[in-house]
Amino acid sequence: MSSPYGGNALDQLKWFIGLLNKHNVPYWIDSGTLLGLMRDGKLLDSDHDLDIGIWENDEPSLRPVLKEIASEGAFTVKSETYKCSLLLYTMMPKNTLNHLKIDIGIFKEHGEYAYRHAPIYSSSKNLIYKYLFKTGRFLHHLRRKSITYVSHDSSNVLISNLELSSWRMHLFYDPNGTWWIPSSYFKNLNSVSFVGLTVNVPNKWQDYLSYRYGDWKIPAKEWAYYLHDKAFKHSIPSELIDTR
């Protein structure tokens, strides 16, 4: 399958941002992608995906982008939901040697906070995962996953959907995870330019990076987002909302 861009990760980011701009999708660069660009002027060598954020209300404007990507055939487009609430779109490359996975987080708003439910893969359940995979049951269960359609201009794009609240996914995922971030960072976005690429970044991005990473100018020797990221809370969204 031919690639819609060159093999360089920055070229892939340029290609994807071009699609978002083409379809007027409001977005911001997030997480490790933002950290690498703002600290090092490039994508992190250790990063294996591109991180993008959008507001839930802007998700319909993303659908033409998903349709175009799916039609090009270089990526498989997947969605993740929890109790039928959309959490994330993932674009999985069919050529993993030259292409990065693209994650688009869908954020909701409550009061002064933006949040996104983020069930995490549980390493404590790794033995169960290995057993099911080896016996073939894991693949069997994934073949039975639900299917959702994204419609645009009277045509449908088939997108596989992983419902993380199903009993199958509870074998692998802990639901107690939420990104909980002051919503002001995702409003009145800033624009920055790098080697011919202009991208949207969070408002007061230096403060945002400090909120997430602490001293973000110094690379961390060890990093696991569910342990070290200050924006990640080990609770489901309703527990955080009830305390506000």
C-alpha atoms as a PDB file:
ATOM      1  CA  MET A   1       0.000   0.000   0.000  1.00  0.00           C
ATOM      2  CA  SER A   2       1.467   3.333  -1.031  1.00  0.00           C
ATOM      3  CA  SER A   3       1.928   6.009   1.627  1.00  0.00           C
ATOM      4  CA  PRO A   4       0.230   9.403   1.373  1.00  0.00           C
ATOM      5  CA  TYR A   5       3.462  11.027   2.575  1.00  0.00           C
ATOM      6  CA  GLY A   6       7.144  10.257   3.012  1.00  0.00           C
ATOM      7  CA  GLY A   7       8.583   7.968   5.631  1.00  0.00           C
ATOM      8  CA  ASN A   8       9.611  10.804   7.948  1.00  0.00           C
ATOM      9  CA  ALA A   9       7.489  11.130  11.115  1.00  0.00           C
ATOM     10  CA  LEU A  10       7.396  14.922  10.800  1.00  0.00           C
ATOM     11  CA  ASP A  11       6.125  14.542   7.224  1.00  0.00           C
ATOM     12  CA  GLN A  12       3.351  12.337   8.557  1.00  0.00           C
ATOM     13  CA  LEU A  13       2.404  15.023  11.077  1.00  0.00           C
ATOM     14  CA  LYS A  14       2.384  17.646   8.304  1.00  0.00           C
ATOM     15  CA  TRP A  15       0.154  15.413   6.180  1.00  0.00           C
ATOM     16  CA  PHE A  16      -2.330  14.845   8.997  1.00  0.00           C
ATOM     17  CA  ILE A  17      -2.441  18.497  10.102  1.00  0.00           C
ATOM     18  CA  GLY A  18      -3.049  19.362   6.449  1.00  0.00           C
ATOM     19  CA  LEU A  19      -6.110  17.092   6.457  1.00  0.00           C
ATOM     20  CA  LEU A  20      -7.440  18.664   9.660  1.00  0.00           C
ATOM     21  CA  ASN A  21      -6.978  22.156   8.216  1.00  0.00           C
ATOM     22  CA  LYS A  22      -8.536  21.126   4.910  1.00  0.00           C
ATOM     23  CA  HIS A  23     -11.720  20.097   6.703  1.00  0.00           C
ATOM     24  CA  ASN A  24     -11.614  22.951   9.261  1.00  0.00           C
ATOM     25  CA  VAL A  25     -11.294  20.663  12.267  1.00  0.00           C
ATOM     26  CA  PRO A  26     -10.435  22.554  15.485  1.00  0.00           C
ATOM     27  CA  TYR A  27      -7.611  20.624  17.178  1.00  0.00           C
ATOM     28  CA  TRP A  28      -4.504  20.932  19.301  1.00  0.00           C
ATOM     29  CA  ILE A  29      -1.239  19.009  19.454  1.00  0.00           C
ATOM     30  CA  ASP A  30      -1.068  17.155  22.765  1.00  0.00           C
ATOM     31  CA  SER A  31       0.961  14.977  25.139  1.00  0.00           C
ATOM     32  CA  GLY A  32       4.275  13.566  23.894  1.00  0.00           C
ATOM     33  CA  THR A  33       3.893  15.130  20.450  1.00  0.00           C
ATOM     34  CA  LEU A  34       3.555  18.573  22.026  1.00  0.00           C
ATOM     35  CA  LEU A  35       6.414  17.937  24.460  1.00  0.00           C
ATOM     36  CA  GLY A  36       8.806  16.870  21.730  1.00  0.00           C
ATOM     37  CA  LEU A  37       8.023  19.789  19.424  1.00  0.00           C
ATOM     38  CA  MET A  38       8.212  22.454  22.138  1.00  0.00           C
ATOM     39  CA  ARG A  39      11.225  21.103  24.016  1.00  0.00           C
ATOM     40  CA  ASP A  40      13.333  19.510  21.279  1.00  0.00           C
ATOM     41  CA  GLY A  41      11.944  21.057  18.107  1.00  0.00           C
ATOM     42  CA  LYS A  42      11.131  17.582  16.798  1.00  0.00           C
ATOM     43  CA  LEU A  43       9.089  14.513  17.615  1.00  0.00           C
ATOM     44  CA  LEU A  44      10.391  12.409  20.493  1.00  0.00           C
ATOM     45  CA  ASP A  45      12.541   9.495  19.384  1.00  0.00           C
ATOM     46  CA  SER A  46      10.821   7.286  21.974  1.00  0.00           C
ATOM     47  CA  ASP A  47       7.295   8.234  20.885  1.00  0.00           C
ATOM     48  CA  HIS A  48       5.383   5.759  18.744  1.00  0.00           C
ATOM     49  CA  ASP A  49       2.265   7.812  18.081  1.00  0.00           C
ATOM     50  CA  LEU A  50       0.994  11.277  17.227  1.00  0.00           C
ATOM     51  CA  ASP A  51      -1.248  12.821  19.891  1.00  0.00           C
ATOM     52  CA  ILE A  52      -4.085  15.150  18.911  1.00  0.00           C
ATOM     53  CA  GLY A  53      -6.930  16.534  21.030  1.00  0.00           C
ATOM     54  CA  ILE A  54     -10.351  17.835  20.036  1.00  0.00           C
ATOM     55  CA  TRP A  55     -13.534  18.854  21.834  1.00  0.00           C
ATOM     56  CA  GLU A  56     -16.473  16.469  21.736  1.00  0.00           C
ATOM     57  CA  ASN A  57     -18.632  19.114  20.036  1.00  0.00           C
ATOM     58  CA  ASP A  58     -16.130  19.282  17.160  1.00  0.00           C
ATOM     59  CA  GLU A  59     -16.104  15.524  16.543  1.00  0.00           C
ATOM     60  CA  PRO A  60     -18.590  15.694  13.620  1.00  0.00           C
ATOM     61  CA  SER A  61     -16.145  17.884  11.689  1.00  0.00           C
ATOM     62  CA  LEU A  62     -13.549  15.106  12.060  1.00  0.00           C
ATOM     63  CA  ARG A  63     -15.641  12.533  10.215  1.00  0.00           C
ATOM     64  CA  PRO A  64     -14.698  13.670   6.679  1.00  0.00           C
ATOM     65  CA  VAL A  65     -11.049  13.270   7.707  1.00  0.00           C
ATOM     66  CA  LEU A  66     -11.708   9.724   8.871  1.00  0.00           C
ATOM     67  CA  LYS A  67     -13.476   8.996   5.619  1.00  0.00           C
ATOM     68  CA  GLU A  68     -10.561  10.314   3.550  1.00  0.00           C
ATOM     69  CA  ILE A  69      -7.969   8.390   5.569  1.00  0.00           C
ATOM     70  CA  ALA A  70      -9.964   5.166   5.380  1.00  0.00           C
ATOM     71  CA  SER A  71     -10.350   5.552   1.611  1.00  0.00           C
ATOM     72  CA  GLU A  72      -6.589   5.960   1.107  1.00  0.00           C
ATOM     73  CA  GLY A  73      -6.053   2.559   2.694  1.00  0.00           C
ATOM     74  CA  ALA A  74      -2.786   3.202   4.530  1.00  0.00           C
ATOM     75  CA  PHE A  75      -4.509   3.180   7.947  1.00  0.00           C
ATOM     76  CA  THR A  76      -7.197   1.226   9.756  1.00  0.00           C
ATOM     77  CA  VAL A  77      -9.471   3.628  11.618  1.00  0.00           C
ATOM     78  CA  LYS A  78     -10.740   2.472  15.012  1.00  0.00           C
ATOM     79  CA  SER A  79     -12.801   4.043  17.764  1.00  0.00           C
ATOM     80  CA  GLU A  80     -12.807   3.318  21.478  1.00  0.00           C
ATOM     81  CA  THR A  81     -15.930   3.764  23.563  1.00  0.00           C
ATOM     82  CA  TYR A  82     -16.904   3.148  27.165  1.00  0.00           C
ATOM     83  CA  LYS A  83     -20.584   2.536  27.847  1.00  0.00           C
ATOM     84  CA  CYS A  84     -21.239   3.898  24.353  1.00  0.00           C
ATOM     85  CA  SER A  85     -19.417   7.174  25.077  1.00  0.00           C
ATOM     86  CA  LEU A  86     -16.763   7.997  22.475  1.00  0.00           C
ATOM     87  CA  LEU A  87     -13.284   8.322  23.990  1.00  0.00           C
ATOM     88  CA  LEU A  88     -10.741   8.091  21.218  1.00  0.00           C
ATOM     89  CA  TYR A  89     -10.126   7.590  17.528  1.00  0.00           C
ATOM     90  CA  THR A  90      -7.036   5.634  16.586  1.00  0.00           C
ATOM     91  CA  MET A  91      -5.537   5.392  13.123  1.00  0.00           C
ATOM     92  CA  MET A  92      -3.432   2.243  12.996  1.00  0.00           C
ATOM     93  CA  PRO A  93      -0.881   2.161  10.163  1.00  0.00           C
ATOM     94  CA  LYS A  94      -0.764  -0.914   7.990  1.00  0.00           C
ATOM     95  CA  ASN A  95       2.936  -0.234   7.433  1.00  0.00           C
ATOM     96  CA  THR A  96       4.311   0.082  10.964  1.00  0.00           C
ATOM     97  CA  LEU A  97       7.912   0.437   9.818  1.00  0.00           C
ATOM     98  CA  ASN A  98       7.466   3.913   8.356  1.00  0.00           C
ATOM     99  CA  HIS A  99       4.224   5.180   9.872  1.00  0.00           C
ATOM    100  CA  LEU A 100       3.185   6.204  13.386  1.00  0.00           C
ATOM    101  CA  LYS A 101      -0.127   5.473  15.034  1.00  0.00           C
ATOM    102  CA  ILE A 102      -2.348   8.546  15.336  1.00  0.00           C
ATOM    103  CA  ASP A 103      -4.497   9.041  18.452  1.00  0.00           C
ATOM    104  CA  ILE A 104      -7.252  11.664  18.614  1.00  0.00           C
ATOM    105  CA  GLY A 105      -8.592  12.144  22.131  1.00  0.00           C
ATOM    106  CA  ILE A 106     -12.196  13.362  22.465  1.00  0.00           C
ATOM    107  CA  PHE A 107     -12.575  15.769  25.402  1.00  0.00           C
ATOM    108  CA  LYS A 108     -15.724  16.744  27.274  1.00  0.00           C
ATOM    109  CA  GLU A 109     -16.093  19.740  29.570  1.00  0.00           C
ATOM    110  CA  HIS A 110     -17.342  20.028  33.145  1.00  0.00           C
ATOM    111  CA  GLY A 111     -17.092  23.377  34.898  1.00  0.00           C
ATOM    112  CA  GLU A 112     -13.494  24.555  34.627  1.00  0.00           C
ATOM    113  CA  TYR A 113     -12.138  21.167  33.549  1.00  0.00           C
ATOM    114  CA  ALA A 114     -11.725  19.236  30.335  1.00  0.00           C
ATOM    115  CA  TYR A 115     -11.788  15.487  30.788  1.00  0.00           C
ATOM    116  CA  ARG A 116     -11.536  12.260  28.873  1.00  0.00           C
ATOM    117  CA  HIS A 117     -12.193   8.827  30.304  1.00  0.00           C
ATOM    118  CA  ALA A 118      -9.107   6.704  29.689  1.00  0.00           C
ATOM    119  CA  PRO A 119      -9.314   3.070  30.850  1.00  0.00           C
ATOM    120  CA  ILE A 120      -5.801   1.695  31.023  1.00  0.00           C
ATOM    121  CA  TYR A 121      -4.402  -1.669  30.089  1.00  0.00           C
ATOM    122  CA  SER A 122      -3.754  -3.530  33.329  1.00  0.00           C
ATOM    123  CA  SER A 123      -0.316  -5.142  33.525  1.00  0.00           C
ATOM    124  CA  SER A 124      -1.570  -7.204  36.472  1.00  0.00           C
ATOM    125  CA  LYS A 125      -3.843  -8.992  34.000  1.00  0.00           C
ATOM    126  CA  ASN A 126      -1.007  -9.707  31.593  1.00  0.00           C
ATOM    127  CA  LEU A 127      -0.999 -13.441  32.308  1.00  0.00           C
ATOM    128  CA  ILE A 128      -4.680 -13.645  31.389  1.00  0.00           C
ATOM    129  CA  TYR A 129      -3.935 -11.754  28.168  1.00  0.00           C
ATOM    130  CA  LYS A 130      -1.140 -14.145  27.237  1.00  0.00           C
ATOM    131  CA  TYR A 131      -3.261 -17.179  28.001  1.00  0.00           C
ATOM    132  CA  LEU A 132      -6.193 -16.002  25.904  1.00  0.00           C
ATOM    133  CA  PHE A 133      -3.932 -14.985  23.055  1.00  0.00           C
ATOM    134  CA  LYS A 134      -2.132 -18.325  23.000  1.00  0.00           C
ATOM    135  CA  THR A 135      -5.340 -20.315  23.073  1.00  0.00           C
ATOM    136  CA  GLY A 136      -6.864 -18.221  20.293  1.00  0.00           C
ATOM    137  CA  ARG A 137      -9.718 -16.966  22.464  1.00  0.00           C
ATOM    138  CA  PHE A 138      -8.436 -13.421  22.397  1.00  0.00           C
ATOM    139  CA  LEU A 139      -8.630 -13.243  18.613  1.00  0.00           C
ATOM    140  CA  HIS A 140     -12.041 -14.883  18.707  1.00  0.00           C
ATOM    141  CA  HIS A 141     -13.388 -12.246  21.076  1.00  0.00           C
ATOM    142  CA  LEU A 142     -11.969  -9.382  19.027  1.00  0.00           C
ATOM    143  CA  ARG A 143     -13.629 -10.746  15.895  1.00  0.00           C
ATOM    144  CA  ARG A 144     -16.950 -10.392  17.724  1.00  0.00           C
ATOM    145  CA  LYS A 145     -16.386  -6.732  18.612  1.00  0.00           C
ATOM    146  CA  SER A 146     -19.137  -4.320  17.692  1.00  0.00           C
ATOM    147  CA  ILE A 147     -19.123  -2.234  14.531  1.00  0.00           C
ATOM    148  CA  THR A 148     -20.102   1.414  14.201  1.00  0.00           C
ATOM    149  CA  TYR A 149     -20.538   3.560  11.103  1.00  0.00           C
ATOM    150  CA  VAL A 150     -19.443   7.133  10.551  1.00  0.00           C
ATOM    151  CA  SER A 151     -21.686   8.769   7.968  1.00  0.00           C
ATOM    152  CA  HIS A 152     -20.804  11.712   5.751  1.00  0.00           C
ATOM    153  CA  ASP A 153     -22.419  12.915   2.526  1.00  0.00           C
ATOM    154  CA  SER A 154     -24.734   9.871   2.472  1.00  0.00           C
ATOM    155  CA  SER A 155     -21.830   7.397   2.357  1.00  0.00           C
ATOM    156  CA  ASN A 156     -20.604   5.195   5.188  1.00  0.00           C
ATOM    157  CA  VAL A 157     -17.119   4.504   6.436  1.00  0.00           C
ATOM    158  CA  LEU A 158     -16.779   1.238   8.315  1.00  0.00           C
ATOM    159  CA  ILE A 159     -14.912   1.762  11.583  1.00  0.00           C
ATOM    160  CA  SER A 160     -14.201  -1.038  14.027  1.00  0.00           C
ATOM    161  CA  ASN A 161     -15.204  -0.105  17.546  1.00  0.00           C
ATOM    162  CA  LEU A 162     -13.698  -1.420  20.780  1.00  0.00           C
ATOM    163  CA  GLU A 163     -16.237  -1.147  23.607  1.00  0.00           C
ATOM    164  CA  LEU A 164     -14.057  -1.068  26.718  1.00  0.00           C
ATOM    165  CA  SER A 165     -16.936  -1.599  29.128  1.00  0.00           C
ATOM    166  CA  SER A 166     -17.682  -5.067  27.751  1.00  0.00           C
ATOM    167  CA  TRP A 167     -16.848  -8.049  29.938  1.00  0.00           C
ATOM    168  CA  ARG A 168     -14.138  -9.102  27.484  1.00  0.00           C
ATOM    169  CA  MET A 169     -12.288  -5.828  27.820  1.00  0.00           C
ATOM    170  CA  HIS A 170     -12.547  -5.918  31.612  1.00  0.00           C
ATOM    171  CA  LEU A 171     -10.126  -8.826  31.370  1.00  0.00           C
ATOM    172  CA  PHE A 172      -7.488  -6.374  30.137  1.00  0.00           C
ATOM    173  CA  TYR A 173      -8.515  -2.841  31.122  1.00  0.00           C
ATOM    174  CA  ASP A 174      -8.920  -0.989  34.407  1.00  0.00           C
ATOM    175  CA  PRO A 175     -11.717   1.600  34.020  1.00  0.00           C
ATOM    176  CA  ASN A 176     -10.268   3.861  36.725  1.00  0.00           C
ATOM    177  CA  GLY A 177      -8.462   6.377  34.558  1.00  0.00           C
ATOM    178  CA  THR A 178      -9.340   9.925  33.470  1.00  0.00           C
ATOM    179  CA  TRP A 179      -7.475  12.813  31.900  1.00  0.00           C
ATOM    180  CA  TRP A 180      -8.511  15.813  34.055  1.00  0.00           C
ATOM    181  CA  ILE A 181      -7.186  19.138  32.801  1.00  0.00           C
ATOM    182  CA  PRO A 182      -8.153  22.811  33.265  1.00  0.00           C
ATOM    183  CA  SER A 183     -10.251  23.576  30.191  1.00  0.00           C
ATOM    184  CA  SER A 184      -8.666  27.016  29.770  1.00  0.00           C
ATOM    185  CA  TYR A 185      -5.629  25.319  28.220  1.00  0.00           C
ATOM    186  CA  PHE A 186      -7.783  24.070  25.336  1.00  0.00           C
ATOM    187  CA  LYS A 187      -9.462  27.405  24.599  1.00  0.00           C
ATOM    188  CA  ASN A 188      -7.984  30.364  22.701  1.00  0.00           C
ATOM    189  CA  LEU A 189      -5.349  28.065  21.265  1.00  0.00           C
ATOM    190  CA  ASN A 190      -1.934  29.323  20.200  1.00  0.00           C
ATOM    191  CA  SER A 191      -0.241  28.631  16.861  1.00  0.00           C
ATOM    192  CA  VAL A 192       3.457  27.812  16.540  1.00  0.00           C
ATOM    193  CA  SER A 193       5.613  27.062  13.493  1.00  0.00           C
ATOM    194  CA  PHE A 194       8.334  24.463  12.960  1.00  0.00           C
ATOM    195  CA  VAL A 195      10.257  23.949   9.709  1.00  0.00           C
ATOM    196  CA  GLY A 196       7.345  24.774   7.450  1.00  0.00           C
ATOM    197  CA  LEU A 197       4.675  23.335   9.761  1.00  0.00           C
ATOM    198  CA  THR A 198       2.201  25.498  11.710  1.00  0.00           C
ATOM    199  CA  VAL A 199       0.198  23.720  14.413  1.00  0.00           C
ATOM    200  CA  ASN A 200      -2.287  24.578  17.146  1.00  0.00           C
ATOM    201  CA  VAL A 201      -1.038  24.134  20.697  1.00  0.00           C
ATOM    202  CA  PRO A 202      -2.724  24.647  24.085  1.00  0.00           C
ATOM    203  CA  ASN A 203      -3.138  28.133  25.462  1.00  0.00           C
ATOM    204  CA  LYS A 204      -0.217  29.012  27.767  1.00  0.00           C
ATOM    205  CA  TRP A 205       1.494  25.867  26.576  1.00  0.00           C
ATOM    206  CA  GLN A 206       4.467  26.304  28.922  1.00  0.00           C
ATOM    207  CA  ASP A 207       2.142  26.224  31.924  1.00  0.00           C
ATOM    208  CA  TYR A 208       0.276  23.297  30.391  1.00  0.00           C
ATOM    209  CA  LEU A 209       3.477  21.285  30.023  1.00  0.00           C
ATOM    210  CA  SER A 210       4.394  22.115  33.626  1.00  0.00           C
ATOM    211  CA  TYR A 211       0.944  20.963  34.742  1.00  0.00           C
ATOM    212  CA  ARG A 212       1.465  17.655  32.960  1.00  0.00           C
ATOM    213  CA  TYR A 213       5.177  16.954  33.348  1.00  0.00           C
ATOM    214  CA  GLY A 214       6.568  19.177  36.088  1.00  0.00           C
ATOM    215  CA  ASP A 215      10.038  20.273  34.928  1.00  0.00           C
ATOM    216  CA  TRP A 216       9.336  19.454  31.289  1.00  0.00           C
ATOM    217  CA  LYS A 217      12.599  20.938  30.002  1.00  0.00           C
ATOM    218  CA  ILE A 218      14.578  18.028  31.465  1.00  0.00           C
ATOM    219  CA  PRO A 219      13.921  14.627  29.810  1.00  0.00           C
ATOM    220  CA  ALA A 220      12.643  12.026  32.277  1.00  0.00           C
ATOM    221  CA  LYS A 221      14.734   8.890  32.636  1.00  0.00           C
ATOM    222  CA  GLU A 222      11.633   6.823  33.345  1.00  0.00           C
ATOM    223  CA  TRP A 223       8.092   7.684  32.348  1.00  0.00           C
ATOM    224  CA  ALA A 224       4.721   5.990  32.527  1.00  0.00           C
ATOM    225  CA  TYR A 225       1.783   8.320  32.007  1.00  0.00           C
ATOM    226  CA  TYR A 226      -0.477   6.468  34.470  1.00  0.00           C
ATOM    227  CA  LEU A 227       2.163   6.865  37.193  1.00  0.00           C
ATOM    228  CA  HIS A 228       3.866  10.183  36.488  1.00  0.00           C
ATOM    229  CA  ASP A 229       1.540  12.431  34.480  1.00  0.00           C
ATOM    230  CA  LYS A 230      -0.088  14.928  36.845  1.00  0.00           C
ATOM    231  CA  ALA A 231      -3.160  15.223  34.610  1.00  0.00           C
ATOM    232  CA  PHE A 232      -3.987  11.524  34.869  1.00  0.00           C
ATOM    233  CA  LYS A 233      -6.345  10.630  37.698  1.00  0.00           C
ATOM    234  CA  HIS A 234      -7.024   7.073  38.856  1.00  0.00           C
ATOM    235  CA  SER A 235     -10.781   7.577  38.972  1.00  0.00           C
ATOM    236  CA  ILE A 236     -13.691   7.344  36.599  1.00  0.00           C
ATOM    237  CA  PRO A 237     -15.059  10.730  35.403  1.00  0.00           C
ATOM    238  CA  SER A 238     -18.224  10.615  37.523  1.00  0.00           C
ATOM    239  CA  GLU A 239     -16.164  10.375  40.725  1.00  0.00           C
ATOM    240  CA  LEU A 240     -14.213  13.498  39.795  1.00  0.00           C
ATOM    241  CA  ILE A 241     -17.338  15.351  38.708  1.00  0.00           C
ATOM    242  CA  ASP A 242     -19.142  14.516  41.951  1.00  0.00           C
ATOM    243  CA  THR A 243     -16.366  16.192  43.967  1.00  0.00           C
ATOM    244  CA  ARG A 244     -16.669  19.484  42.061  1.00  0.00           C
END
